[in-house]
Amino acid sequence: MFFKGLGKYPKFKKKGRSDSFPTECYANTIDNSGKPIELDGWCHKLPFIGVVKTYEPIEATTKRITISRQAGDWYLSCSYEFHPITTPQKTDAIGVDLGVKTLATLSDGKVFESVRSYQKFEAKLSREQYLNRHKEVGSANWKKAQLKIARLHRKVANIRKDALHKLTTYLAKNHGRVVVEDLNVSGMLRNHKLAKIS
């Protein structure tokens, strides 16, 4: 792409930062030349790689698979088509009041509490970072400590994602129209005191 004048100069990926699996087709994606890839069970035969084992059984047919690494663990993600299932709606429209102390308050009175995931692990994160302060950068002990810190950050992020998925799933299943107030929540969270609440 660069030599054809269609793209910028390529930036080489640094090991250990946003790791993904390089293939002949895409930087982090396996594309079997448009042919379907069958995933069935615990072990999967992937093009260009071979047999890969997963912690959970997967049954799907996809044309593209992305392999990435987060906090020392490898993840396999794929896209596939499915037929949507309609669910009976409780009310046609619902209003959502986003907050900082609470995740969201609905117009029907239902409240989704904030998970406060960062507060739960703040002391643990602080201690791990404190113990890591004098370790030699690049050493084996430094890498172990960095991995522990990365896993804690991933846990915090996953708790937040889980709460957001539960909220959005509830709204999508039970209501035909969702009205959200126009507040600059991201701007409010730039205040470090407010950000720690969420």
N, C-alpha and C. Protein backbone atom coordinates (compact mmCIF):
# COMPACT_ATOMS: atom_id res chain seq x y z
N MET A 1 0.83 -1.20 0.00
CA MET A 1 0.00 0.00 0.00
C MET A 1 0.87 1.26 0.00
N PHE A 2 1.97 1.26 0.80
CA PHE A 2 2.83 2.43 0.90
C PHE A 2 3.52 2.73 -0.43
N PHE A 3 4.05 1.67 -1.07
CA PHE A 3 4.80 1.86 -2.31
C PHE A 3 3.89 2.26 -3.47
N LYS A 4 2.59 1.95 -3.34
CA LYS A 4 1.64 2.37 -4.37
C LYS A 4 1.12 3.78 -4.14
N GLY A 5 1.55 4.38 -3.02
CA GLY A 5 1.11 5.72 -2.70
C GLY A 5 -0.28 5.78 -2.10
N LEU A 6 -0.77 4.62 -1.58
CA LEU A 6 -2.13 4.57 -1.04
C LEU A 6 -2.17 4.60 0.47
N GLY A 7 -1.01 4.58 1.11
CA GLY A 7 -0.98 4.54 2.57
C GLY A 7 0.25 5.22 3.12
N LYS A 8 0.26 5.39 4.45
CA LYS A 8 1.39 6.03 5.11
C LYS A 8 2.53 5.02 5.31
N TYR A 9 3.68 5.54 5.72
CA TYR A 9 4.83 4.68 5.98
C TYR A 9 4.49 3.70 7.10
N PRO A 10 4.77 2.42 6.94
CA PRO A 10 4.36 1.43 7.95
C PRO A 10 5.09 1.60 9.27
N LYS A 11 4.35 1.40 10.35
CA LYS A 11 4.93 1.43 11.69
C LYS A 11 5.04 0.00 12.20
N PHE A 12 6.24 -0.40 12.58
CA PHE A 12 6.45 -1.75 13.05
C PHE A 12 5.92 -1.90 14.47
N LYS A 13 5.34 -3.06 14.73
CA LYS A 13 4.73 -3.32 16.02
C LYS A 13 5.79 -3.66 17.06
N LYS A 14 5.60 -3.18 18.27
CA LYS A 14 6.54 -3.45 19.34
C LYS A 14 6.05 -4.65 20.14
N LYS A 15 6.96 -5.56 20.43
CA LYS A 15 6.60 -6.77 21.17
C LYS A 15 6.15 -6.40 22.58
N GLY A 16 5.02 -7.02 22.99
CA GLY A 16 4.52 -6.78 24.33
C GLY A 16 3.51 -5.65 24.42
N ARG A 17 3.28 -4.93 23.31
CA ARG A 17 2.32 -3.83 23.33
C ARG A 17 1.28 -4.06 22.23
N SER A 18 0.03 -4.23 22.63
CA SER A 18 -1.07 -4.51 21.69
C SER A 18 -0.72 -5.70 20.79
N ASP A 19 -0.30 -6.79 21.43
CA ASP A 19 0.11 -7.96 20.66
C ASP A 19 -1.07 -8.56 19.93
N SER A 20 -0.82 -8.99 18.70
CA SER A 20 -1.82 -9.71 17.93
C SER A 20 -1.08 -10.67 17.02
N PHE A 21 -1.81 -11.57 16.42
CA PHE A 21 -1.17 -12.61 15.62
C PHE A 21 -1.03 -12.16 14.18
N PRO A 22 0.21 -11.99 13.68
CA PRO A 22 0.38 -11.56 12.29
C PRO A 22 0.18 -12.71 11.31
N THR A 23 -0.53 -12.45 10.23
CA THR A 23 -0.74 -13.47 9.20
C THR A 23 -0.43 -12.86 7.84
N GLU A 24 -0.57 -13.67 6.81
CA GLU A 24 -0.28 -13.20 5.47
C GLU A 24 -1.34 -12.22 4.96
N CYS A 25 -2.54 -12.29 5.54
CA CYS A 25 -3.64 -11.50 5.00
C CYS A 25 -3.81 -10.17 5.72
N TYR A 26 -3.90 -10.20 7.05
CA TYR A 26 -4.12 -9.00 7.83
C TYR A 26 -3.15 -8.98 9.00
N ALA A 27 -2.99 -7.83 9.60
CA ALA A 27 -2.03 -7.68 10.69
C ALA A 27 -2.40 -8.54 11.90
N ASN A 28 -3.67 -8.67 12.19
CA ASN A 28 -4.07 -9.43 13.36
C ASN A 28 -5.29 -10.31 13.09
N THR A 29 -5.55 -10.58 11.84
CA THR A 29 -6.75 -11.33 11.48
C THR A 29 -6.42 -12.45 10.51
N ILE A 30 -7.06 -13.61 10.74
CA ILE A 30 -6.94 -14.73 9.82
C ILE A 30 -8.12 -14.71 8.87
N ASP A 31 -7.84 -14.58 7.60
CA ASP A 31 -8.88 -14.59 6.57
C ASP A 31 -8.57 -15.75 5.63
N ASN A 32 -9.42 -16.75 5.63
CA ASN A 32 -9.17 -17.97 4.86
C ASN A 32 -9.57 -17.80 3.39
N SER A 33 -9.14 -16.67 2.79
CA SER A 33 -9.41 -16.39 1.38
C SER A 33 -10.90 -16.46 1.05
N GLY A 34 -11.71 -16.04 1.99
CA GLY A 34 -13.15 -16.03 1.77
C GLY A 34 -13.84 -17.35 2.07
N LYS A 35 -13.06 -18.40 2.33
CA LYS A 35 -13.66 -19.70 2.65
C LYS A 35 -14.09 -19.74 4.12
N PRO A 36 -15.17 -20.44 4.42
CA PRO A 36 -15.64 -20.51 5.81
C PRO A 36 -14.69 -21.31 6.71
N ILE A 37 -14.59 -20.88 7.96
CA ILE A 37 -13.79 -21.58 8.97
C ILE A 37 -14.75 -22.18 9.98
N GLU A 38 -14.68 -23.48 10.16
CA GLU A 38 -15.58 -24.19 11.06
C GLU A 38 -14.95 -24.27 12.46
N LEU A 39 -15.69 -23.82 13.47
CA LEU A 39 -15.29 -23.95 14.86
C LEU A 39 -16.27 -24.88 15.55
N ASP A 40 -15.76 -25.96 16.10
CA ASP A 40 -16.65 -26.96 16.70
C ASP A 40 -15.94 -27.64 17.85
N GLY A 41 -16.40 -27.34 19.08
CA GLY A 41 -15.83 -28.02 20.25
C GLY A 41 -14.72 -27.22 20.92
N TRP A 42 -13.76 -27.97 21.49
CA TRP A 42 -12.69 -27.36 22.27
C TRP A 42 -11.42 -27.14 21.43
N CYS A 43 -11.22 -27.96 20.42
CA CYS A 43 -10.03 -27.86 19.57
C CYS A 43 -10.46 -27.41 18.17
N HIS A 44 -9.72 -26.47 17.60
CA HIS A 44 -10.08 -25.90 16.31
C HIS A 44 -8.86 -25.87 15.40
N LYS A 45 -9.03 -26.29 14.18
CA LYS A 45 -7.94 -26.24 13.21
C LYS A 45 -8.07 -24.95 12.41
N LEU A 46 -7.13 -24.03 12.65
CA LEU A 46 -7.17 -22.73 12.00
C LEU A 46 -6.17 -22.67 10.86
N PRO A 47 -6.50 -21.98 9.78
CA PRO A 47 -5.56 -21.83 8.67
C PRO A 47 -4.33 -21.04 9.11
N PHE A 48 -3.17 -21.40 8.56
CA PHE A 48 -1.87 -20.76 8.82
C PHE A 48 -1.31 -21.09 10.20
N ILE A 49 -2.14 -21.60 11.13
CA ILE A 49 -1.66 -21.84 12.50
C ILE A 49 -1.64 -23.31 12.84
N GLY A 50 -2.78 -23.97 12.66
CA GLY A 50 -2.91 -25.36 13.05
C GLY A 50 -3.97 -25.51 14.12
N VAL A 51 -3.80 -26.48 15.00
CA VAL A 51 -4.79 -26.78 16.03
C VAL A 51 -4.63 -25.83 17.22
N VAL A 52 -5.74 -25.24 17.63
CA VAL A 52 -5.76 -24.32 18.77
C VAL A 52 -6.81 -24.80 19.76
N LYS A 53 -6.46 -24.85 21.05
CA LYS A 53 -7.41 -25.25 22.09
C LYS A 53 -7.97 -24.00 22.77
N THR A 54 -9.25 -24.06 23.13
CA THR A 54 -9.89 -22.95 23.82
C THR A 54 -10.42 -23.42 25.17
N TYR A 55 -10.59 -22.46 26.09
CA TYR A 55 -11.08 -22.77 27.43
C TYR A 55 -12.57 -23.09 27.42
N GLU A 56 -13.28 -22.60 26.41
CA GLU A 56 -14.71 -22.84 26.30
C GLU A 56 -15.01 -23.41 24.92
N PRO A 57 -15.99 -24.31 24.84
CA PRO A 57 -16.35 -24.86 23.52
C PRO A 57 -17.00 -23.80 22.64
N ILE A 58 -16.65 -23.79 21.37
CA ILE A 58 -17.20 -22.82 20.42
C ILE A 58 -17.80 -23.57 19.24
N GLU A 59 -19.01 -23.21 18.87
CA GLU A 59 -19.65 -23.79 17.70
C GLU A 59 -20.14 -22.65 16.81
N ALA A 60 -19.40 -22.42 15.73
CA ALA A 60 -19.75 -21.32 14.84
C ALA A 60 -19.04 -21.51 13.51
N THR A 61 -19.57 -20.86 12.48
CA THR A 61 -18.93 -20.82 11.17
C THR A 61 -18.64 -19.38 10.84
N THR A 62 -17.38 -19.07 10.58
CA THR A 62 -16.98 -17.69 10.33
C THR A 62 -16.00 -17.63 9.16
N LYS A 63 -15.83 -16.46 8.61
CA LYS A 63 -14.88 -16.26 7.52
C LYS A 63 -13.63 -15.52 7.97
N ARG A 64 -13.66 -15.01 9.19
CA ARG A 64 -12.54 -14.20 9.67
C ARG A 64 -12.38 -14.37 11.18
N ILE A 65 -11.16 -14.58 11.63
CA ILE A 65 -10.86 -14.77 13.04
C ILE A 65 -9.73 -13.83 13.44
N THR A 66 -9.88 -13.18 14.57
CA THR A 66 -8.84 -12.30 15.11
C THR A 66 -8.28 -12.91 16.38
N ILE A 67 -6.96 -12.98 16.46
CA ILE A 67 -6.28 -13.50 17.64
C ILE A 67 -5.47 -12.37 18.26
N SER A 68 -5.71 -12.08 19.53
CA SER A 68 -5.02 -10.99 20.21
C SER A 68 -4.61 -11.42 21.60
N ARG A 69 -3.74 -10.65 22.21
CA ARG A 69 -3.26 -10.96 23.56
C ARG A 69 -3.52 -9.80 24.50
N GLN A 70 -4.05 -10.12 25.68
CA GLN A 70 -4.31 -9.13 26.72
C GLN A 70 -3.80 -9.66 28.04
N ALA A 71 -2.90 -8.93 28.66
CA ALA A 71 -2.36 -9.28 29.98
C ALA A 71 -1.83 -10.71 30.02
N GLY A 72 -1.13 -11.11 28.96
CA GLY A 72 -0.50 -12.43 28.94
C GLY A 72 -1.38 -13.55 28.44
N ASP A 73 -2.67 -13.31 28.24
CA ASP A 73 -3.59 -14.34 27.77
C ASP A 73 -3.99 -14.05 26.32
N TRP A 74 -4.17 -15.14 25.56
CA TRP A 74 -4.54 -15.02 24.15
C TRP A 74 -6.04 -15.19 23.99
N TYR A 75 -6.63 -14.37 23.12
CA TYR A 75 -8.08 -14.40 22.88
C TYR A 75 -8.37 -14.60 21.41
N LEU A 76 -9.41 -15.36 21.14
CA LEU A 76 -9.87 -15.63 19.79
C LEU A 76 -11.26 -15.02 19.63
N SER A 77 -11.42 -14.15 18.67
CA SER A 77 -12.73 -13.54 18.42
C SER A 77 -13.10 -13.71 16.96
N CYS A 78 -14.39 -13.91 16.73
CA CYS A 78 -14.86 -14.11 15.36
C CYS A 78 -16.24 -13.50 15.21
N SER A 79 -16.64 -13.25 13.98
CA SER A 79 -17.96 -12.71 13.69
C SER A 79 -18.75 -13.74 12.90
N TYR A 80 -20.03 -13.81 13.17
CA TYR A 80 -20.89 -14.75 12.45
C TYR A 80 -22.31 -14.19 12.39
N GLU A 81 -23.08 -14.68 11.45
CA GLU A 81 -24.44 -14.21 11.26
C GLU A 81 -25.42 -15.06 12.08
N PHE A 82 -26.43 -14.40 12.62
CA PHE A 82 -27.47 -15.12 13.35
C PHE A 82 -28.79 -14.40 13.15
N HIS A 83 -29.85 -15.11 13.38
CA HIS A 83 -31.18 -14.54 13.21
C HIS A 83 -31.62 -13.89 14.52
N PRO A 84 -31.98 -12.60 14.50
CA PRO A 84 -32.38 -11.92 15.74
C PRO A 84 -33.67 -12.49 16.30
N ILE A 85 -33.75 -12.47 17.62
CA ILE A 85 -34.94 -12.96 18.32
C ILE A 85 -35.66 -11.77 18.93
N THR A 86 -36.91 -11.58 18.58
CA THR A 86 -37.69 -10.47 19.14
C THR A 86 -38.26 -10.87 20.49
N THR A 87 -38.27 -9.93 21.41
CA THR A 87 -38.80 -10.17 22.75
C THR A 87 -39.94 -9.20 23.02
N PRO A 88 -40.95 -9.60 23.81
CA PRO A 88 -42.05 -8.68 24.13
C PRO A 88 -41.55 -7.49 24.93
N GLN A 89 -41.98 -6.28 24.56
CA GLN A 89 -41.51 -5.06 25.22
C GLN A 89 -42.46 -4.66 26.34
N LYS A 90 -41.86 -4.29 27.48
CA LYS A 90 -42.67 -3.85 28.61
C LYS A 90 -43.29 -2.48 28.34
N THR A 91 -42.47 -1.55 27.88
CA THR A 91 -42.96 -0.21 27.54
C THR A 91 -42.34 0.20 26.22
N ASP A 92 -43.04 1.06 25.50
CA ASP A 92 -42.55 1.48 24.18
C ASP A 92 -41.31 2.36 24.30
N ALA A 93 -41.34 3.34 25.24
CA ALA A 93 -40.23 4.28 25.38
C ALA A 93 -39.77 4.34 26.83
N ILE A 94 -38.50 4.60 27.02
CA ILE A 94 -37.92 4.70 28.37
C ILE A 94 -36.87 5.80 28.37
N GLY A 95 -36.81 6.56 29.45
CA GLY A 95 -35.81 7.60 29.60
C GLY A 95 -34.68 7.12 30.50
N VAL A 96 -33.45 7.46 30.16
CA VAL A 96 -32.27 7.03 30.91
C VAL A 96 -31.54 8.26 31.42
N ASP A 97 -31.39 8.33 32.74
CA ASP A 97 -30.66 9.42 33.39
C ASP A 97 -29.29 8.89 33.81
N LEU A 98 -28.25 9.25 33.05
CA LEU A 98 -26.90 8.81 33.37
C LEU A 98 -26.36 9.59 34.55
N GLY A 99 -25.60 8.91 35.39
CA GLY A 99 -25.06 9.57 36.56
C GLY A 99 -23.63 9.17 36.83
N VAL A 100 -23.07 9.70 37.89
CA VAL A 100 -21.71 9.36 38.31
C VAL A 100 -21.75 8.43 39.52
N LYS A 101 -22.58 8.79 40.50
CA LYS A 101 -22.71 7.93 41.69
C LYS A 101 -23.48 6.66 41.36
N THR A 102 -24.46 6.76 40.46
CA THR A 102 -25.16 5.58 39.96
C THR A 102 -24.91 5.48 38.47
N LEU A 103 -24.90 4.25 37.95
CA LEU A 103 -24.63 4.06 36.53
C LEU A 103 -25.73 4.68 35.69
N ALA A 104 -26.99 4.35 36.03
CA ALA A 104 -28.13 4.89 35.28
C ALA A 104 -29.40 4.76 36.11
N THR A 105 -30.29 5.73 35.94
CA THR A 105 -31.61 5.68 36.56
C THR A 105 -32.65 5.80 35.46
N LEU A 106 -33.57 4.83 35.39
CA LEU A 106 -34.57 4.81 34.35
C LEU A 106 -35.82 5.58 34.77
N SER A 107 -36.59 6.02 33.79
CA SER A 107 -37.78 6.82 34.08
C SER A 107 -38.86 6.02 34.79
N ASP A 108 -38.78 4.69 34.75
CA ASP A 108 -39.76 3.87 35.47
C ASP A 108 -39.34 3.60 36.91
N GLY A 109 -38.22 4.21 37.35
CA GLY A 109 -37.77 4.08 38.73
C GLY A 109 -36.66 3.06 38.95
N LYS A 110 -36.37 2.24 37.97
CA LYS A 110 -35.33 1.23 38.12
C LYS A 110 -33.95 1.89 38.13
N VAL A 111 -33.11 1.46 39.06
CA VAL A 111 -31.77 2.05 39.22
C VAL A 111 -30.71 0.98 38.99
N PHE A 112 -29.73 1.31 38.16
CA PHE A 112 -28.56 0.45 37.95
C PHE A 112 -27.40 1.07 38.72
N GLU A 113 -26.97 0.37 39.76
CA GLU A 113 -25.92 0.90 40.63
C GLU A 113 -24.57 0.87 39.92
N SER A 114 -23.71 1.82 40.28
CA SER A 114 -22.35 1.85 39.74
C SER A 114 -21.54 0.70 40.35
N VAL A 115 -20.73 0.05 39.54
CA VAL A 115 -20.00 -1.14 40.02
C VAL A 115 -18.78 -0.75 40.85
N ARG A 116 -18.28 0.47 40.70
CA ARG A 116 -17.13 0.96 41.46
C ARG A 116 -15.97 -0.02 41.41
N SER A 117 -15.69 -0.53 40.22
CA SER A 117 -14.67 -1.57 40.08
C SER A 117 -13.27 -1.06 40.41
N TYR A 118 -12.99 0.21 40.07
CA TYR A 118 -11.65 0.73 40.35
C TYR A 118 -11.42 0.85 41.85
N GLN A 119 -12.44 1.29 42.58
CA GLN A 119 -12.30 1.43 44.03
C GLN A 119 -12.01 0.10 44.70
N LYS A 120 -12.60 -0.98 44.16
CA LYS A 120 -12.42 -2.31 44.76
C LYS A 120 -10.98 -2.78 44.66
N PHE A 121 -10.30 -2.41 43.57
CA PHE A 121 -8.95 -2.90 43.34
C PHE A 121 -7.89 -1.81 43.44
N GLU A 122 -8.28 -0.61 43.91
CA GLU A 122 -7.34 0.51 43.96
C GLU A 122 -6.17 0.21 44.89
N ALA A 123 -6.45 -0.33 46.09
CA ALA A 123 -5.39 -0.62 47.05
C ALA A 123 -4.43 -1.70 46.52
N LYS A 124 -5.00 -2.70 45.87
CA LYS A 124 -4.18 -3.78 45.32
C LYS A 124 -3.29 -3.28 44.18
N LEU A 125 -3.87 -2.44 43.31
CA LEU A 125 -3.10 -1.86 42.22
C LEU A 125 -1.98 -0.97 42.74
N SER A 126 -2.31 -0.17 43.75
CA SER A 126 -1.32 0.73 44.33
C SER A 126 -0.16 -0.05 44.93
N ARG A 127 -0.46 -1.15 45.60
CA ARG A 127 0.60 -1.96 46.23
C ARG A 127 1.49 -2.62 45.17
N GLU A 128 0.88 -3.16 44.12
CA GLU A 128 1.67 -3.81 43.07
C GLU A 128 2.58 -2.80 42.37
N GLN A 129 2.06 -1.60 42.13
CA GLN A 129 2.88 -0.57 41.50
C GLN A 129 3.98 -0.07 42.43
N TYR A 130 3.68 -0.05 43.74
CA TYR A 130 4.69 0.35 44.73
C TYR A 130 5.83 -0.67 44.80
N LEU A 131 5.48 -1.96 44.77
CA LEU A 131 6.50 -3.01 44.83
C LEU A 131 7.33 -3.06 43.55
N ASN A 132 6.77 -2.55 42.47
CA ASN A 132 7.46 -2.63 41.18
C ASN A 132 8.37 -1.42 40.91
N ARG A 133 8.39 -0.46 41.82
CA ARG A 133 9.04 0.82 41.52
C ARG A 133 10.56 0.70 41.40
N HIS A 134 11.19 -0.23 42.14
CA HIS A 134 12.65 -0.33 42.12
C HIS A 134 13.18 -1.49 41.27
N LYS A 135 12.27 -2.22 40.62
CA LYS A 135 12.72 -3.34 39.80
C LYS A 135 13.35 -2.82 38.51
N GLU A 136 14.34 -3.54 38.04
CA GLU A 136 15.03 -3.13 36.81
C GLU A 136 14.12 -3.35 35.61
N VAL A 137 13.93 -2.31 34.84
CA VAL A 137 13.05 -2.39 33.67
C VAL A 137 13.59 -3.42 32.68
N GLY A 138 12.71 -4.36 32.31
CA GLY A 138 13.09 -5.40 31.36
C GLY A 138 13.51 -6.70 32.02
N SER A 139 13.70 -6.69 33.36
CA SER A 139 14.11 -7.92 34.05
C SER A 139 12.93 -8.88 34.18
N ALA A 140 13.22 -10.11 34.56
CA ALA A 140 12.17 -11.13 34.71
C ALA A 140 11.18 -10.75 35.80
N ASN A 141 11.67 -10.22 36.93
CA ASN A 141 10.78 -9.82 38.02
C ASN A 141 9.93 -8.62 37.62
N TRP A 142 10.51 -7.71 36.84
CA TRP A 142 9.75 -6.55 36.35
C TRP A 142 8.62 -7.01 35.44
N LYS A 143 8.91 -7.98 34.56
CA LYS A 143 7.88 -8.49 33.65
C LYS A 143 6.76 -9.19 34.41
N LYS A 144 7.12 -9.95 35.47
CA LYS A 144 6.09 -10.62 36.28
C LYS A 144 5.19 -9.59 36.96
N ALA A 145 5.81 -8.54 37.50
CA ALA A 145 5.03 -7.50 38.17
C ALA A 145 4.14 -6.76 37.18
N GLN A 146 4.66 -6.47 36.00
CA GLN A 146 3.87 -5.79 34.97
C GLN A 146 2.67 -6.63 34.56
N LEU A 147 2.86 -7.95 34.50
CA LEU A 147 1.77 -8.85 34.15
C LEU A 147 0.68 -8.84 35.21
N LYS A 148 1.08 -8.82 36.50
CA LYS A 148 0.10 -8.75 37.59
C LYS A 148 -0.71 -7.46 37.51
N ILE A 149 -0.02 -6.34 37.24
CA ILE A 149 -0.70 -5.05 37.15
C ILE A 149 -1.65 -5.04 35.96
N ALA A 150 -1.20 -5.59 34.83
CA ALA A 150 -2.04 -5.64 33.63
C ALA A 150 -3.29 -6.48 33.86
N ARG A 151 -3.15 -7.59 34.59
CA ARG A 151 -4.31 -8.45 34.87
C ARG A 151 -5.31 -7.76 35.78
N LEU A 152 -4.82 -6.97 36.74
CA LEU A 152 -5.72 -6.23 37.61
C LEU A 152 -6.48 -5.17 36.82
N HIS A 153 -5.78 -4.47 35.93
CA HIS A 153 -6.44 -3.47 35.08
C HIS A 153 -7.49 -4.12 34.18
N ARG A 154 -7.16 -5.31 33.66
CA ARG A 154 -8.11 -6.02 32.82
C ARG A 154 -9.35 -6.42 33.61
N LYS A 155 -9.15 -6.82 34.87
CA LYS A 155 -10.27 -7.21 35.72
C LYS A 155 -11.20 -6.02 35.96
N VAL A 156 -10.60 -4.85 36.23
CA VAL A 156 -11.38 -3.63 36.43
C VAL A 156 -12.19 -3.30 35.18
N ALA A 157 -11.53 -3.39 34.02
CA ALA A 157 -12.20 -3.08 32.75
C ALA A 157 -13.32 -4.07 32.45
N ASN A 158 -13.09 -5.35 32.75
CA ASN A 158 -14.10 -6.38 32.48
C ASN A 158 -15.34 -6.21 33.35
N ILE A 159 -15.15 -5.79 34.60
CA ILE A 159 -16.29 -5.55 35.50
C ILE A 159 -17.14 -4.40 34.95
N ARG A 160 -16.49 -3.35 34.47
CA ARG A 160 -17.21 -2.21 33.89
C ARG A 160 -17.95 -2.63 32.62
N LYS A 161 -17.27 -3.39 31.76
CA LYS A 161 -17.90 -3.85 30.51
C LYS A 161 -19.12 -4.71 30.81
N ASP A 162 -19.00 -5.59 31.81
CA ASP A 162 -20.11 -6.48 32.16
C ASP A 162 -21.33 -5.67 32.60
N ALA A 163 -21.11 -4.64 33.42
CA ALA A 163 -22.21 -3.80 33.89
C ALA A 163 -22.87 -3.06 32.73
N LEU A 164 -22.07 -2.55 31.80
CA LEU A 164 -22.61 -1.83 30.64
C LEU A 164 -23.39 -2.76 29.72
N HIS A 165 -22.87 -3.99 29.52
CA HIS A 165 -23.58 -4.96 28.67
C HIS A 165 -24.92 -5.35 29.28
N LYS A 166 -24.96 -5.51 30.60
CA LYS A 166 -26.22 -5.87 31.26
C LYS A 166 -27.24 -4.74 31.13
N LEU A 167 -26.77 -3.49 31.26
CA LEU A 167 -27.67 -2.34 31.13
C LEU A 167 -28.21 -2.23 29.71
N THR A 168 -27.34 -2.28 28.72
CA THR A 168 -27.77 -2.12 27.32
C THR A 168 -28.64 -3.29 26.87
N THR A 169 -28.35 -4.49 27.35
CA THR A 169 -29.17 -5.66 27.00
C THR A 169 -30.57 -5.52 27.58
N TYR A 170 -30.66 -5.06 28.82
CA TYR A 170 -31.97 -4.86 29.45
C TYR A 170 -32.79 -3.82 28.68
N LEU A 171 -32.14 -2.72 28.29
CA LEU A 171 -32.85 -1.67 27.56
C LEU A 171 -33.31 -2.16 26.19
N ALA A 172 -32.43 -2.89 25.49
CA ALA A 172 -32.77 -3.35 24.14
C ALA A 172 -33.87 -4.41 24.15
N LYS A 173 -33.89 -5.26 25.16
CA LYS A 173 -34.88 -6.34 25.21
C LYS A 173 -36.26 -5.86 25.62
N ASN A 174 -36.32 -4.84 26.47
CA ASN A 174 -37.59 -4.48 27.08
C ASN A 174 -38.22 -3.18 26.56
N HIS A 175 -37.49 -2.43 25.71
CA HIS A 175 -38.02 -1.14 25.29
C HIS A 175 -37.74 -0.91 23.81
N GLY A 176 -38.73 -0.30 23.14
CA GLY A 176 -38.59 -0.04 21.71
C GLY A 176 -37.83 1.25 21.42
N ARG A 177 -37.92 2.22 22.33
CA ARG A 177 -37.23 3.49 22.14
C ARG A 177 -36.54 3.89 23.43
N VAL A 178 -35.28 4.28 23.34
CA VAL A 178 -34.50 4.67 24.51
C VAL A 178 -34.07 6.12 24.34
N VAL A 179 -34.40 6.95 25.32
CA VAL A 179 -34.05 8.37 25.29
C VAL A 179 -33.03 8.63 26.39
N VAL A 180 -31.85 9.12 26.00
CA VAL A 180 -30.77 9.36 26.95
C VAL A 180 -30.51 10.85 27.04
N GLU A 181 -30.31 11.35 28.26
CA GLU A 181 -30.05 12.78 28.45
C GLU A 181 -28.71 13.16 27.83
N ASP A 182 -28.62 14.39 27.39
CA ASP A 182 -27.43 14.89 26.71
C ASP A 182 -26.50 15.53 27.75
N LEU A 183 -25.70 14.69 28.42
CA LEU A 183 -24.76 15.18 29.42
C LEU A 183 -23.34 14.81 29.00
N ASN A 184 -22.40 15.66 29.30
CA ASN A 184 -21.00 15.40 28.99
C ASN A 184 -20.38 14.57 30.12
N VAL A 185 -20.76 13.27 30.17
CA VAL A 185 -20.29 12.40 31.24
C VAL A 185 -18.78 12.19 31.14
N SER A 186 -18.27 12.05 29.91
CA SER A 186 -16.83 11.84 29.74
C SER A 186 -16.05 13.04 30.26
N GLY A 187 -16.61 14.25 30.06
CA GLY A 187 -15.96 15.44 30.59
C GLY A 187 -15.99 15.47 32.11
N MET A 188 -17.11 15.01 32.69
CA MET A 188 -17.22 14.96 34.15
C MET A 188 -16.21 13.98 34.73
N LEU A 189 -15.97 12.89 34.01
CA LEU A 189 -15.06 11.87 34.52
C LEU A 189 -13.59 12.27 34.40
N ARG A 190 -13.31 13.39 33.72
CA ARG A 190 -11.93 13.87 33.69
C ARG A 190 -11.50 14.38 35.06
N ASN A 191 -12.49 14.71 35.89
CA ASN A 191 -12.20 15.04 37.28
C ASN A 191 -11.85 13.75 38.00
N HIS A 192 -10.60 13.62 38.51
CA HIS A 192 -10.14 12.34 39.05
C HIS A 192 -10.94 11.90 40.27
N LYS A 193 -11.55 12.86 41.00
CA LYS A 193 -12.35 12.48 42.16
C LYS A 193 -13.65 11.82 41.72
N LEU A 194 -14.26 12.37 40.65
CA LEU A 194 -15.50 11.78 40.14
C LEU A 194 -15.22 10.47 39.41
N ALA A 195 -14.09 10.39 38.71
CA ALA A 195 -13.77 9.20 37.93
C ALA A 195 -13.60 7.98 38.81
N LYS A 196 -13.08 8.17 40.02
CA LYS A 196 -12.88 7.03 40.92
C LYS A 196 -14.18 6.45 41.43
N ILE A 197 -15.26 7.24 41.38
CA ILE A 197 -16.56 6.75 41.86
C ILE A 197 -17.08 5.66 40.94
N SER A 198 -16.84 5.82 39.64
CA SER A 198 -17.44 4.90 38.66
C SER A 198 -16.73 3.58 38.64
